[in-house]
Every structure is written in C-alpha cells, then in structure tokens.
C-alpha atoms as a PDB file:
ATOM      1  CA  MET A   1     114.136 100.334 102.463  1.00  0.00           C
ATOM      2  CA  LYS A   2     111.196 102.228 103.983  1.00  0.00           C
ATOM      3  CA  ASP A   3     108.026 100.504 105.118  1.00  0.00           C
ATOM      4  CA  LEU A   4     104.982 101.201 102.939  1.00  0.00           C
ATOM      5  CA  ILE A   5     103.285 103.138 105.718  1.00  0.00           C
ATOM      6  CA  ASP A   6     106.158 105.652 105.509  1.00  0.00           C
ATOM      7  CA  VAL A   7     105.707 106.320 101.785  1.00  0.00           C
ATOM      8  CA  LEU A   8     101.905 106.712 101.816  1.00  0.00           C
ATOM      9  CA  PRO A   9     100.417 110.131 102.648  1.00  0.00           C
ATOM     10  CA  GLY A  10      98.861 110.920 106.012  1.00  0.00           C
ATOM     11  CA  ILE A  11      99.474 112.200 109.521  1.00  0.00           C
ATOM     12  CA  ASP A  12     101.223 109.899 111.983  1.00  0.00           C
ATOM     13  CA  LEU A  13      99.070 109.196 115.035  1.00  0.00           C
ATOM     14  CA  PRO A  14      98.988 106.762 117.940  1.00  0.00           C
ATOM     15  CA  VAL A  15      96.704 103.896 116.952  1.00  0.00           C
ATOM     16  CA  GLY A  16      94.281 104.601 119.796  1.00  0.00           C
ATOM     17  CA  GLU A  17      93.753 108.207 118.715  1.00  0.00           C
ATOM     18  CA  VAL A  18      92.803 107.600 115.092  1.00  0.00           C
ATOM     19  CA  THR A  19      89.046 107.208 115.495  1.00  0.00           C
ATOM     20  CA  SER A  20      88.719 110.082 117.977  1.00  0.00           C
ATOM     21  CA  ARG A  21      90.751 112.387 115.732  1.00  0.00           C
ATOM     22  CA  LEU A  22      88.553 111.339 112.824  1.00  0.00           C
ATOM     23  CA  ASP A  23      85.399 112.190 114.773  1.00  0.00           C
ATOM     24  CA  ARG A  24      86.731 115.626 115.709  1.00  0.00           C
ATOM     25  CA  MET A  25      87.788 116.272 112.127  1.00  0.00           C
ATOM     26  CA  TRP A  26      84.207 115.883 110.853  1.00  0.00           C
ATOM     27  CA  GLU A  27      82.355 117.218 113.899  1.00  0.00           C
ATOM     28  CA  SER A  28      81.335 120.564 112.351  1.00  0.00           C
ATOM     29  CA  ASP A  29      77.680 120.696 111.275  1.00  0.00           C
ATOM     30  CA  THR A  30      77.976 124.074 109.621  1.00  0.00           C
ATOM     31  CA  ALA A  31      76.202 124.244 106.251  1.00  0.00           C
ATOM     32  CA  GLY A  32      78.741 123.817 103.501  1.00  0.00           C
ATOM     33  CA  SER A  33      81.350 122.253 105.788  1.00  0.00           C
ATOM     34  CA  PRO A  34      83.162 119.090 104.634  1.00  0.00           C
ATOM     35  CA  SER A  35      81.098 116.983 107.055  1.00  0.00           C
ATOM     36  CA  ALA A  36      78.051 117.625 104.886  1.00  0.00           C
ATOM     37  CA  PHE A  37      79.752 115.804 102.003  1.00  0.00           C
ATOM     38  CA  ARG A  38      80.935 112.770 103.976  1.00  0.00           C
ATOM     39  CA  ALA A  39      78.517 109.835 103.663  1.00  0.00           C
ATOM     40  CA  SER A  40      80.304 106.516 103.312  1.00  0.00           C
ATOM     41  CA  GLN A  41      78.497 103.673 101.560  1.00  0.00           C
ATOM     42  CA  MET A  42      81.028 100.925 102.341  1.00  0.00           C
ATOM     43  CA  ASN A  43      84.333  99.954 103.922  1.00  0.00           C
ATOM     44  CA  VAL A  44      87.196  98.982 101.608  1.00  0.00           C
ATOM     45  CA  VAL A  45      90.332  97.390 103.020  1.00  0.00           C
ATOM     46  CA  LEU A  46      93.468  97.569 100.843  1.00  0.00           C
ATOM     47  CA  HIS A  47      95.799  94.867 102.187  1.00  0.00           C
ATOM     48  CA  PHE A  48      99.458  94.946 101.112  1.00  0.00           C
ATOM     49  CA  GLY A  49     102.026  92.157 101.421  1.00  0.00           C
ATOM     50  CA  TRP A  50     105.822  92.286 101.657  1.00  0.00           C
ATOM     51  CA  GLY A  51     106.608  92.271  97.934  1.00  0.00           C
ATOM     52  CA  VAL A  52     104.698  95.449  97.044  1.00  0.00           C
ATOM     53  CA  SER A  53     106.913  98.366  95.988  1.00  0.00           C
ATOM     54  CA  ALA A  54     106.346 102.003  96.955  1.00  0.00           C
ATOM     55  CA  ASP A  55     105.243 102.878  93.407  1.00  0.00           C
ATOM     56  CA  GLU A  56     102.808  99.956  93.282  1.00  0.00           C
ATOM     57  CA  ALA A  57     101.368 100.946  96.665  1.00  0.00           C
ATOM     58  CA  HIS A  58     100.903 104.557  95.536  1.00  0.00           C
ATOM     59  CA  GLU A  59      99.226 103.449  92.308  1.00  0.00           C
ATOM     60  CA  ARG A  60      96.693 101.250  94.092  1.00  0.00           C
ATOM     61  CA  PHE A  61      96.075 103.804  96.832  1.00  0.00           C
ATOM     62  CA  GLU A  62      95.341 106.489  94.239  1.00  0.00           C
ATOM     63  CA  ALA A  63      93.032 104.108  92.349  1.00  0.00           C
ATOM     64  CA  LEU A  64      91.089 103.514  95.539  1.00  0.00           C
ATOM     65  CA  LEU A  65      90.823 107.251  96.262  1.00  0.00           C
ATOM     66  CA  THR A  66      89.434 107.802  92.751  1.00  0.00           C
ATOM     67  CA  PHE A  67      86.999 104.937  93.306  1.00  0.00           C
ATOM     68  CA  ALA A  68      85.884 106.541  96.584  1.00  0.00           C
ATOM     69  CA  GLN A  69      84.967 109.753  94.782  1.00  0.00           C
ATOM     70  CA  ARG A  70      82.236 107.811  92.966  1.00  0.00           C
ATOM     71  CA  TYR A  71      81.462 105.269  95.681  1.00  0.00           C
ATOM     72  CA  PRO A  72      82.055 107.050  99.008  1.00  0.00           C
ATOM     73  CA  SER A  73      84.051 104.697 101.192  1.00  0.00           C
ATOM     74  CA  ARG A  74      86.003 104.472 104.389  1.00  0.00           C
ATOM     75  CA  ILE A  75      89.393 103.202 103.244  1.00  0.00           C
ATOM     76  CA  ILE A  76      91.605 101.140 105.512  1.00  0.00           C
ATOM     77  CA  VAL A  77      95.112 100.373 104.264  1.00  0.00           C
ATOM     78  CA  LEU A  78      97.132  97.560 105.854  1.00  0.00           C
ATOM     79  CA  CYS A  79     100.907  97.755 105.449  1.00  0.00           C
ATOM     80  CA  PRO A  80     103.308  95.104 106.752  1.00  0.00           C
ATOM     81  CA  SER A  81     106.124  96.582 108.817  1.00  0.00           C
ATOM     82  CA  SER A  82     109.653  95.279 109.284  1.00  0.00           C
ATOM     83  CA  GLU A  83     110.194  97.774 112.119  1.00  0.00           C
ATOM     84  CA  ILE A  84     107.578  96.172 114.344  1.00  0.00           C
ATOM     85  CA  SER A  85     108.694  93.160 116.352  1.00  0.00           C
ATOM     86  CA  ASP A  86     106.807  93.518 119.637  1.00  0.00           C
ATOM     87  CA  GLY A  87     103.234  93.132 118.366  1.00  0.00           C
ATOM     88  CA  SER A  88     102.529  96.874 118.413  1.00  0.00           C
ATOM     89  CA  MET A  89     101.101  98.824 115.490  1.00  0.00           C
ATOM     90  CA  ARG A  90     101.598 102.140 113.723  1.00  0.00           C
ATOM     91  CA  ALA A  91      98.895 104.389 112.310  1.00  0.00           C
ATOM     92  CA  LYS A  92      98.345 107.247 109.888  1.00  0.00           C
ATOM     93  CA  LEU A  93      95.252 109.257 109.022  1.00  0.00           C
ATOM     94  CA  PHE A  94      94.615 110.707 105.563  1.00  0.00           C
ATOM     95  CA  SER A  95      91.627 112.790 104.461  1.00  0.00           C
ATOM     96  CA  GLN A  96      90.876 114.795 101.357  1.00  0.00           C
ATOM     97  CA  CYS A  97      87.935 116.552  99.730  1.00  0.00           C
ATOM     98  CA  TYR A  98      87.411 116.659  95.976  1.00  0.00           C
ATOM     99  CA  ILE A  99      85.459 119.514  94.425  1.00  0.00           C
ATOM    100  CA  GLY A 100      83.626 119.175  91.134  1.00  0.00           C
ATOM    101  CA  ASP A 101      82.232 121.984  88.970  1.00  0.00           C
ATOM    102  CA  SER A 102      80.450 123.382  92.008  1.00  0.00           C
ATOM    103  CA  HIS A 103      80.724 123.026  95.788  1.00  0.00           C
ATOM    104  CA  ARG A 104      77.587 120.885  95.680  1.00  0.00           C
ATOM    105  CA  GLU A 105      79.665 118.242  93.891  1.00  0.00           C
ATOM    106  CA  MET A 106      82.214 117.994  96.689  1.00  0.00           C
ATOM    107  CA  CYS A 107      83.124 114.513  97.926  1.00  0.00           C
ATOM    108  CA  CYS A 108      85.177 113.910 101.048  1.00  0.00           C
ATOM    109  CA  CYS A 109      86.919 110.636 101.843  1.00  0.00           C
ATOM    110  CA  GLU A 110      89.230 109.288 104.494  1.00  0.00           C
ATOM    111  CA  ALA A 111      91.900 106.615 104.698  1.00  0.00           C
ATOM    112  CA  LEU A 112      93.124 104.986 107.890  1.00  0.00           C
ATOM    113  CA  ILE A 113      96.561 103.428 107.373  1.00  0.00           C
ATOM    114  CA  LEU A 114      97.841 100.720 109.698  1.00  0.00           C
ATOM    115  CA  GLY A 115     101.348  99.302 109.978  1.00  0.00           C
ATOM    116  CA  TYR A 116     101.099  95.737 111.252  1.00  0.00           C
ATOM    117  CA  GLN A 117     103.109  92.631 112.073  1.00  0.00           C
ATOM    118  CA  PRO A 118     101.822  89.936 109.690  1.00  0.00           C
ATOM    119  CA  GLU A 119     101.978  87.103 112.240  1.00  0.00           C
ATOM    120  CA  ASN A 120      99.335  88.725 114.482  1.00  0.00           C
ATOM    121  CA  CYS A 121      96.279  87.674 112.448  1.00  0.00           C
ATOM    122  CA  GLY A 122      93.768  87.801 115.292  1.00  0.00           C
ATOM    123  CA  TYR A 123      95.027  91.093 116.712  1.00  0.00           C
ATOM    124  CA  LEU A 124      94.967  92.630 113.223  1.00  0.00           C
ATOM    125  CA  ALA A 125      91.342  91.548 112.760  1.00  0.00           C
ATOM    126  CA  ASN A 126      90.376  93.095 116.113  1.00  0.00           C
ATOM    127  CA  GLN A 127      92.000  96.429 115.243  1.00  0.00           C
ATOM    128  CA  VAL A 128      90.420  96.566 111.777  1.00  0.00           C
ATOM    129  CA  SER A 129      86.988  95.837 113.255  1.00  0.00           C
ATOM    130  CA  VAL A 130      87.371  98.929 115.471  1.00  0.00           C
ATOM    131  CA  TRP A 131      88.165 101.083 112.456  1.00  0.00           C
ATOM    132  CA  LEU A 132      85.335  99.861 110.224  1.00  0.00           C
ATOM    133  CA  GLU A 133      82.184 101.935 109.764  1.00  0.00           C
ATOM    134  CA  PRO A 134      79.545  99.831 111.557  1.00  0.00           C
ATOM    135  CA  ASP A 135      76.502  98.578 109.624  1.00  0.00           C
ATOM    136  CA  LEU A 136      78.163  99.165 106.246  1.00  0.00           C
ATOM    137  CA  PRO A 137      79.267  96.365 103.861  1.00  0.00           C
ATOM    138  CA  SER A 138      82.983  95.630 103.808  1.00  0.00           C
ATOM    139  CA  TYR A 139      85.221  94.646 100.906  1.00  0.00           C
ATOM    140  CA  HIS A 140      88.851  93.410 100.981  1.00  0.00           C
ATOM    141  CA  TRP A 141      91.479  93.954  98.279  1.00  0.00           C
ATOM    142  CA  PHE A 142      94.582  91.733  98.585  1.00  0.00           C
ATOM    143  CA  CYS A 143      97.799  92.889  96.894  1.00  0.00           C
ATOM    144  CA  GLY A 144     100.977  90.849  97.279  1.00  0.00           C
ATOM    145  CA  VAL A 145      99.723  88.814 100.253  1.00  0.00           C
ATOM    146  CA  PRO A 146     100.724  85.124  99.912  1.00  0.00           C
ATOM    147  CA  GLY A 147      97.920  82.627  99.537  1.00  0.00           C
ATOM    148  CA  GLU A 148      99.022  80.771 102.670  1.00  0.00           C
ATOM    149  CA  ARG A 149      98.698  83.978 104.680  1.00  0.00           C
ATOM    150  CA  ILE A 150      95.257  84.756 103.192  1.00  0.00           C
ATOM    151  CA  GLU A 151      93.985  81.350 104.332  1.00  0.00           C
ATOM    152  CA  GLN A 152      94.967  82.270 107.901  1.00  0.00           C
ATOM    153  CA  TYR A 153      92.582  85.253 107.663  1.00  0.00           C
ATOM    154  CA  PHE A 154      89.499  83.188 106.736  1.00  0.00           C
ATOM    155  CA  ASP A 155      88.355  82.768 110.371  1.00  0.00           C
ATOM    156  CA  ASN A 156      89.117  86.266 111.605  1.00  0.00           C
ATOM    157  CA  LEU A 157      89.932  89.200 109.320  1.00  0.00           C
ATOM    158  CA  LEU A 158      87.618  88.080 106.485  1.00  0.00           C
ATOM    159  CA  LEU A 159      84.608  87.187 108.601  1.00  0.00           C
ATOM    160  CA  GLY A 160      81.645  89.209 107.350  1.00  0.00           C
ATOM    161  CA  VAL A 161      83.470  90.550 104.272  1.00  0.00           C
ATOM    162  CA  ARG A 162      81.066  90.818 101.327  1.00  0.00           C
ATOM    163  CA  ARG A 163      83.740  90.224  98.674  1.00  0.00           C
ATOM    164  CA  SER A 164      87.507  89.738  98.495  1.00  0.00           C
ATOM    165  CA  ILE A 165      89.384  90.695  95.334  1.00  0.00           C
ATOM    166  CA  TYR A 166      92.893  90.324  93.927  1.00  0.00           C
ATOM    167  CA  ASP A 167      94.723  90.739  90.623  1.00  0.00           C
ATOM    168  CA  SER A 168      95.864  87.411  89.172  1.00  0.00           C
ATOM    169  CA  SER A 169      98.128  89.174  86.637  1.00  0.00           C
ATOM    170  CA  TYR A 170      99.984  90.863  89.488  1.00  0.00           C
ATOM    171  CA  GLU A 171     100.009  87.979  91.929  1.00  0.00           C
ATOM    172  CA  GLY A 172     101.465  85.513  89.437  1.00  0.00           C
ATOM    173  CA  ARG A 173      99.111  82.794  90.696  1.00  0.00           C
ATOM    174  CA  ASP A 174      95.391  82.139  90.694  1.00  0.00           C
ATOM    175  CA  LEU A 175      94.260  82.847  94.238  1.00  0.00           C
ATOM    176  CA  ASN A 176      90.816  81.595  93.258  1.00  0.00           C
ATOM    177  CA  GLN A 177      92.249  78.107  93.848  1.00  0.00           C
ATOM    178  CA  LEU A 178      92.485  78.735  97.593  1.00  0.00           C
ATOM    179  CA  ASN A 179      89.944  76.991  99.753  1.00  0.00           C
ATOM    180  CA  TRP A 180      87.761  80.079 100.147  1.00  0.00           C
ATOM    181  CA  PRO A 181      84.750  79.577 102.497  1.00  0.00           C
ATOM    182  CA  GLU A 182      82.508  81.070  99.789  1.00  0.00           C
ATOM    183  CA  GLY A 183      84.019  80.977  96.309  1.00  0.00           C
ATOM    184  CA  GLY A 184      81.268  83.196  94.925  1.00  0.00           C
ATOM    185  CA  ARG A 185      82.548  86.073  97.057  1.00  0.00           C
ATOM    186  CA  VAL A 186      85.952  86.261  95.384  1.00  0.00           C
ATOM    187  CA  GLY A 187      86.702  88.542  92.427  1.00  0.00           C
ATOM    188  CA  ASP A 188      89.678  88.974  90.078  1.00  0.00           C
ATOM    189  CA  LEU A 189      90.630  92.388  88.693  1.00  0.00           C
ATOM    190  CA  ALA A 190      92.000  90.634  85.591  1.00  0.00           C
ATOM    191  CA  MET A 191      88.485  89.354  84.842  1.00  0.00           C
ATOM    192  CA  ALA A 192      87.082  92.843  85.440  1.00  0.00           C
ATOM    193  CA  ARG A 193      89.520  94.373  82.957  1.00  0.00           C
ATOM    194  CA  LEU A 194      88.334  91.831  80.372  1.00  0.00           C
ATOM    195  CA  LEU A 195      84.873  93.423  80.209  1.00  0.00           C
ATOM    196  CA  PRO A 196      85.577  95.425  76.984  1.00  0.00           C
ATOM    197  CA  VAL A 197      87.204  92.338  75.427  1.00  0.00           C
ATOM    198  CA  ARG A 198      84.236  90.120  76.260  1.00  0.00           C
ATOM    199  CA  GLN A 199      81.873  92.724  74.867  1.00  0.00           C
ATOM    200  CA  ALA A 200      83.798  93.033  71.585  1.00  0.00           C
ATOM    201  CA  ILE A 201      84.137  89.277  71.017  1.00  0.00           C
ATOM    202  CA  GLY A 202      80.628  88.509  72.227  1.00  0.00           C
ATOM    203  CA  GLN A 203      79.092  91.089  69.932  1.00  0.00           C
ATOM    204  CA  PHE A 204      80.748  89.492  66.918  1.00  0.00           C
ATOM    205  CA  LEU A 205      79.869  85.922  67.894  1.00  0.00           C
ATOM    206  CA  SER A 206      76.242  86.842  68.580  1.00  0.00           C
ATOM    207  CA  GLY A 207      75.746  86.941  64.795  1.00  0.00           C
ATOM    208  CA  TYR A 208      76.177  83.143  64.634  1.00  0.00           C
ATOM    209  CA  GLU A 209      74.097  80.256  65.924  1.00  0.00           C
ATOM    210  CA  VAL A 210      75.674  78.383  68.820  1.00  0.00           C
ATOM    211  CA  SER A 211      75.368  75.135  66.861  1.00  0.00           C
ATOM    212  CA  GLU A 212      77.458  76.619  64.026  1.00  0.00           C
ATOM    213  CA  LEU A 213      80.134  77.822  66.421  1.00  0.00           C
ATOM    214  CA  CYS A 214      80.304  74.371  68.017  1.00  0.00           C
ATOM    215  CA  ARG A 215      80.190  72.260  64.859  1.00  0.00           C
ATOM    216  CA  GLY A 216      83.651  70.846  64.183  1.00  0.00           C
ATOM    217  CA  LEU A 217      85.327  72.989  66.823  1.00  0.00           C
ATOM    218  CA  GLU A 218      88.580  71.228  67.584  1.00  0.00           C
ATOM    219  CA  MET A 219      90.629  73.639  69.689  1.00  0.00           C
ATOM    220  CA  VAL A 220      90.413  76.968  71.495  1.00  0.00           C
ATOM    221  CA  ARG A 221      93.780  78.675  71.976  1.00  0.00           C
ATOM    222  CA  VAL A 222      94.464  81.744  74.112  1.00  0.00           C
ATOM    223  CA  ARG A 223      97.812  83.525  74.029  1.00  0.00           C
ATOM    224  CA  HIS A 224      98.872  86.290  76.407  1.00  0.00           C
ATOM    225  CA  GLY A 225     101.806  88.608  77.060  1.00  0.00           C
ATOM    226  CA  ALA A 226     103.825  88.515  80.257  1.00  0.00           C
ATOM    227  CA  SER A 227     101.787  91.273  81.940  1.00  0.00           C
ATOM    228  CA  MET A 228      98.399  89.735  81.057  1.00  0.00           C
ATOM    229  CA  SER A 229      98.625  86.194  82.387  1.00  0.00           C
ATOM    230  CA  GLY A 230      95.514  86.704  84.496  1.00  0.00           C
ATOM    231  CA  GLU A 231      93.546  88.076  81.555  1.00  0.00           C
ATOM    232  CA  GLY A 232      94.618  85.074  79.486  1.00  0.00           C
ATOM    233  CA  LEU A 233      93.432  82.616  82.136  1.00  0.00           C
ATOM    234  CA  ARG A 234      90.109  84.392  82.639  1.00  0.00           C
ATOM    235  CA  LEU A 235      89.495  84.729  78.898  1.00  0.00           C
ATOM    236  CA  MET A 236      90.006  80.974  78.556  1.00  0.00           C
ATOM    237  CA  GLU A 237      87.560  80.286  81.398  1.00  0.00           C
ATOM    238  CA  TRP A 238      84.985  82.642  79.892  1.00  0.00           C
ATOM    239  CA  VAL A 239      85.152  80.995  76.482  1.00  0.00           C
ATOM    240  CA  ARG A 240      84.954  77.523  78.052  1.00  0.00           C
ATOM    241  CA  ASP A 241      81.860  78.598  79.954  1.00  0.00           C
ATOM    242  CA  CYS A 242      80.254  80.084  76.816  1.00  0.00           C
ATOM    243  CA  LEU A 243      80.873  76.813  74.913  1.00  0.00           C
ATOM    244  CA  SER A 244      79.863  74.511  77.760  1.00  0.00           C
ATOM    245  CA  ASP A 245      76.783  73.314  75.854  1.00  0.00           C
ATOM    246  CA  CYS A 246      78.672  72.326  72.715  1.00  0.00           C
ATOM    247  CA  GLN A 247      78.495  68.602  73.437  1.00  0.00           C
ATOM    248  CA  GLN A 248      74.714  68.586  73.259  1.00  0.00           C
ATOM    249  CA  TYR A 249      74.805  69.091  69.492  1.00  0.00           C
ATOM    250  CA  LYS A 250      74.771  65.687  67.821  1.00  0.00           C
ATOM    251  CA  ASP A 251      76.414  66.953  64.656  1.00  0.00           C
ATOM    252  CA  CYS A 252      79.612  67.875  66.485  1.00  0.00           C
ATOM    253  CA  SER A 253      82.443  66.102  64.677  1.00  0.00           C
ATOM    254  CA  VAL A 254      84.781  66.433  67.657  1.00  0.00           C
ATOM    255  CA  ARG A 255      84.031  64.627  70.919  1.00  0.00           C
ATOM    256  CA  GLU A 256      85.790  67.102  73.165  1.00  0.00           C
ATOM    257  CA  VAL A 257      87.150  70.575  72.481  1.00  0.00           C
ATOM    258  CA  LYS A 258      90.786  71.054  73.489  1.00  0.00           C
ATOM    259  CA  TYR A 259      91.807  74.238  75.300  1.00  0.00           C
ATOM    260  CA  ALA A 260      95.322  75.640  75.196  1.00  0.00           C
ATOM    261  CA  LEU A 261      96.681  78.573  77.227  1.00  0.00           C
ATOM    262  CA  GLU A 262     100.042  79.819  76.001  1.00  0.00           C
ATOM    263  CA  ALA A 263     102.426  82.603  77.001  1.00  0.00           C
ATOM    264  CA  CYS A 264     103.675  84.700  74.088  1.00  0.00           C
ATOM    265  CA  ASP A 265     107.312  84.644  73.167  1.00  0.00           C
ATOM    266  CA  ASP A 266     109.120  87.725  74.486  1.00  0.00           C
ATOM    267  CA  SER A 267     110.203  88.554  70.930  1.00  0.00           C
ATOM    268  CA  ASP A 268     106.569  88.741  69.717  1.00  0.00           C
ATOM    269  CA  ALA A 269     105.898  92.454  70.022  1.00  0.00           C
ATOM    270  CA  GLU A 270     102.419  92.077  68.526  1.00  0.00           C
ATOM    271  CA  CYS A 271     101.180  89.690  71.174  1.00  0.00           C
ATOM    272  CA  ALA A 272      99.263  91.183  74.104  1.00  0.00           C
ATOM    273  CA  LEU A 273      96.178  88.983  74.217  1.00  0.00           C
ATOM    274  CA  ALA A 274      94.815  86.712  71.488  1.00  0.00           C
ATOM    275  CA  LEU A 275      92.019  84.150  70.982  1.00  0.00           C
ATOM    276  CA  GLU A 276      91.746  81.510  68.259  1.00  0.00           C
ATOM    277  CA  PHE A 277      89.089  78.928  67.325  1.00  0.00           C
ATOM    278  CA  VAL A 278      90.363  76.035  65.197  1.00  0.00           C
ATOM    279  CA  TYR A 279      87.894  73.829  63.261  1.00  0.00           C
ATOM    280  CA  THR A 280      88.312  70.460  61.597  1.00  0.00           C
ATOM    281  CA  ASP A 281      86.875  71.746  58.299  1.00  0.00           C
ATOM    282  CA  GLY A 282      89.268  74.674  57.914  1.00  0.00           C
ATOM    283  CA  ARG A 283      87.044  77.347  59.419  1.00  0.00           C
ATOM    284  CA  TYR A 284      88.617  79.651  61.973  1.00  0.00           C
ATOM    285  CA  LEU A 285      88.217  82.653  64.227  1.00  0.00           C
ATOM    286  CA  ARG A 286      91.134  84.796  65.296  1.00  0.00           C
ATOM    287  CA  TRP A 287      91.016  87.817  67.580  1.00  0.00           C
ATOM    288  CA  ARG A 288      93.918  89.784  68.957  1.00  0.00           C
ATOM    289  CA  LYS A 289      94.494  92.955  70.878  1.00  0.00           C
ATOM    290  CA  PHE A 290      97.294  95.162  69.648  1.00  0.00           C
ATOM    291  CA  CYS A 291      99.982  95.945  72.223  1.00  0.00           C
ATOM    292  CA  GLU A 292      99.761  99.680  71.650  1.00  0.00           C
ATOM    293  CA  GLY A 293      96.553 101.674  71.802  1.00  0.00           C
ATOM    294  CA  THR A 294      92.979 100.484  72.223  1.00  0.00           C
ATOM    295  CA  MET A 295      92.449  98.614  68.962  1.00  0.00           C
ATOM    296  CA  GLY A 296      92.059  94.945  68.235  1.00  0.00           C
ATOM    297  CA  GLU A 297      91.242  92.853  65.177  1.00  0.00           C
ATOM    298  CA  ILE A 298      88.937  89.951  64.359  1.00  0.00           C
ATOM    299  CA  GLU A 299      89.628  87.738  61.357  1.00  0.00           C
ATOM    300  CA  ALA A 300      87.193  84.903  60.766  1.00  0.00           C
ATOM    301  CA  SER A 301      85.921  82.376  58.277  1.00  0.00           C
ATOM    302  CA  LEU A 302      82.919  80.744  59.927  1.00  0.00           C
ATOM    303  CA  GLY A 303      80.966  79.643  56.859  1.00  0.00           C
ATOM    304  CA  LYS A 304      79.561  82.919  55.556  1.00  0.00           C
ATOM    305  CA  SER A 305      82.586  84.673  54.144  1.00  0.00           C
ATOM    306  CA  VAL A 306      86.042  85.731  55.223  1.00  0.00           C
ATOM    307  CA  GLU A 307      85.627  88.660  57.569  1.00  0.00           C
ATOM    308  CA  LYS A 308      88.245  91.046  58.874  1.00  0.00           C
ATOM    309  CA  ILE A 309      87.100  93.827  61.143  1.00  0.00           C
ATOM    310  CA  SER A 310      88.685  96.168  63.643  1.00  0.00           C
ATOM    311  CA  THR A 311      87.492  96.168  67.224  1.00  0.00           C
ATOM    312  CA  ARG A 312      87.965  98.927  69.777  1.00  0.00           C
ATOM    313  CA  VAL A 313      88.952  97.667  73.203  1.00  0.00           C
ATOM    314  CA  LYS A 314      88.959 100.745  75.414  1.00  0.00           C
ATOM    315  CA  PRO A 315      90.550  99.716  78.731  1.00  0.00           C
ATOM    316  CA  LEU A 316      88.721 100.356  81.971  1.00  0.00           C
ATOM    317  CA  GLY A 317      90.198 102.895  84.340  1.00  0.00           C
ATOM    318  CA  ALA A 318      91.622 101.460  87.535  1.00  0.00           C
ATOM    319  CA  ASP A 319      88.627 102.728  89.535  1.00  0.00           C
ATOM    320  CA  GLN A 320      86.187 101.262  86.955  1.00  0.00           C
ATOM    321  CA  ALA A 321      87.910  97.880  87.149  1.00  0.00           C
ATOM    322  CA  LEU A 322      87.632  98.024  90.932  1.00  0.00           C
ATOM    323  CA  ALA A 323      83.891  98.665  90.708  1.00  0.00           C
ATOM    324  CA  GLU A 324      83.469  95.802  88.231  1.00  0.00           C
ATOM    325  CA  ALA A 325      85.440  93.397  90.457  1.00  0.00           C
ATOM    326  CA  LEU A 326      83.731  94.416  93.690  1.00  0.00           C
ATOM    327  CA  PHE A 327      80.113  94.554  92.558  1.00  0.00           C
ATOM    328  CA  PHE A 328      79.685  92.166  89.590  1.00  0.00           C
END
C-alpha cells in the first residue's frame, strides 16, 4: 500500500529545497504573472493519520484547494510514512492557478506536502514552522490522527494555532473531550454541516414562546444514521443549549428534561437525522431529514394546531463547511 504522499499531486523535492523552489516559482513581478494573484491570508495545515485512505485524502485535499480559492491560503499537508524509519522526511510541492471569467479573477495557491514519521513530534513542529507564512494566522485540520497523538502536539505543533478542527462523524469519537489547552479554539465539521439544519428548526421554533416550548417538556430524542453520528451529537448539544433556561419557568411540570441520543437501525432507510420533543400533555415536535435529496419535514402539535411542513436542508459544500468550522 502506497503512502499518502505518493498518491497526492505534486513534484518530489528534497525537504530543504521546498521553500527556495517556492520563492523562485513566484519571483516574477511581470504584470499579469501568477505572482500578482498570490496573496495568502492564512496557513492551513491538513494533518492525516494512518487510517486515512487514498480516496479520503484526495477528497479532503480537493476541498481545501477549493477553500483556498475563496480564502487564499498556504496549505501544508502532513502525511505519515511507513517508509521512513530514520527520522528523515519527504517533501512534495504543488501549485495551481484558477481562472474565473476573466484573468483579473485568477487565484493562485500552493500546497507543501510533507511525509513524516509520527513519533518525531518536536522535529515535525520545527519543520512545519519553517514552512509557514510568517505573521499570518494558522489553522490545523486533523483527519484520522488518534486523540492520544494529538495531545502530544499540544506543546509543540499546535502552539500559536488559532483553531484546530476535526470531523467527529469521521473520527468515530468526540475529540472535543481531549484536554485541549483552549477548548474555545476547537471546531467540529459535523457542527458546521448542521448550520442549515439549525436554521430550519430554529426558524420554525421562533414562532413559539420559550415558556411554551419548555412547559411539560419531558424528553428530547435525537436519532442519527451511521454516517452522521457527529451531527447527531452536535444537534443534541445545540438543543440542550437552546433549552438551558427551561428550569426557570415555574409552570414546568417536569423537573428535568431527559435527553436521548440513538443510532438508527440499519434497516431504517428513512433515518438520516431526526429530532423529537416529547411532552407530558401529548404535544410533540418531530423533525427529520430525508436520506435522499435536500428535503426534511416538521410535524408538530404544540398547542396551536397540528402542523406539517416541508423544510429544505441544502447541505453546505465541503469548502463552505470548512469556512464555518474555521471561522465561527
């Protein structure tokens, strides 16, 4: 099986020559040359672990390139290598310019790809620091890196990083539970992808007083499909946060709201992501996202009348989800 650095695009170079080759590549100051369209706003490190497949690596690399067309970035990709055993490193350089409707809309970006030995945390941090654009904010995207390994990077590789992100639906665990030095600087792509869902549900619920939504609320249940475990967890946390003031209403007939997070049965083809409010007096709210397409459905009886409406949940593009996770 090939190392990830072998399946990603780019020119193989000695590690020490990458930055000098990069400088020569953009050295032309001729009007209309690619150098005129290269103005990075940030550094973004895409950090792969052992379990990432070639297809998964390509997908995330392409998402980051698309992101860089809107938010010009220096991209650094870290790939673990099974071929390295002596502490050395391998390098590749990738660059590409994207042209819009006119040459004035050109955007040029670069990616520096590094094959590394995972055990050398300090050496890896030193090399990455050399490749970063100085004086620009840095962001770090973990993909398939074990939590125990991430914790070893807290005092070296992640020093000065503005935000670290990961995808809890991909990782299979909630990396937010690690002992991050600053928990507010950690983002989850699953939460970012929930933005259209939160907007659809929030818009409907905004038509009701908070006291009415809280009165007699007995249980909140979230169900999720196998590929949306992170979205299920984050949806539950979002609802819990929205209802955090429920106990202040004296007419609440339930002392404490119960929360249940459940995985859908594999045979339930209609279950992608679903939310349900259960009340002691028979009222209810049910929302679900259909597995196919962008549509969802809300069915509710919250005291006014029985309502059944369709909701459109247009998914964010991979680059849009990245922006949401990195900046908000």
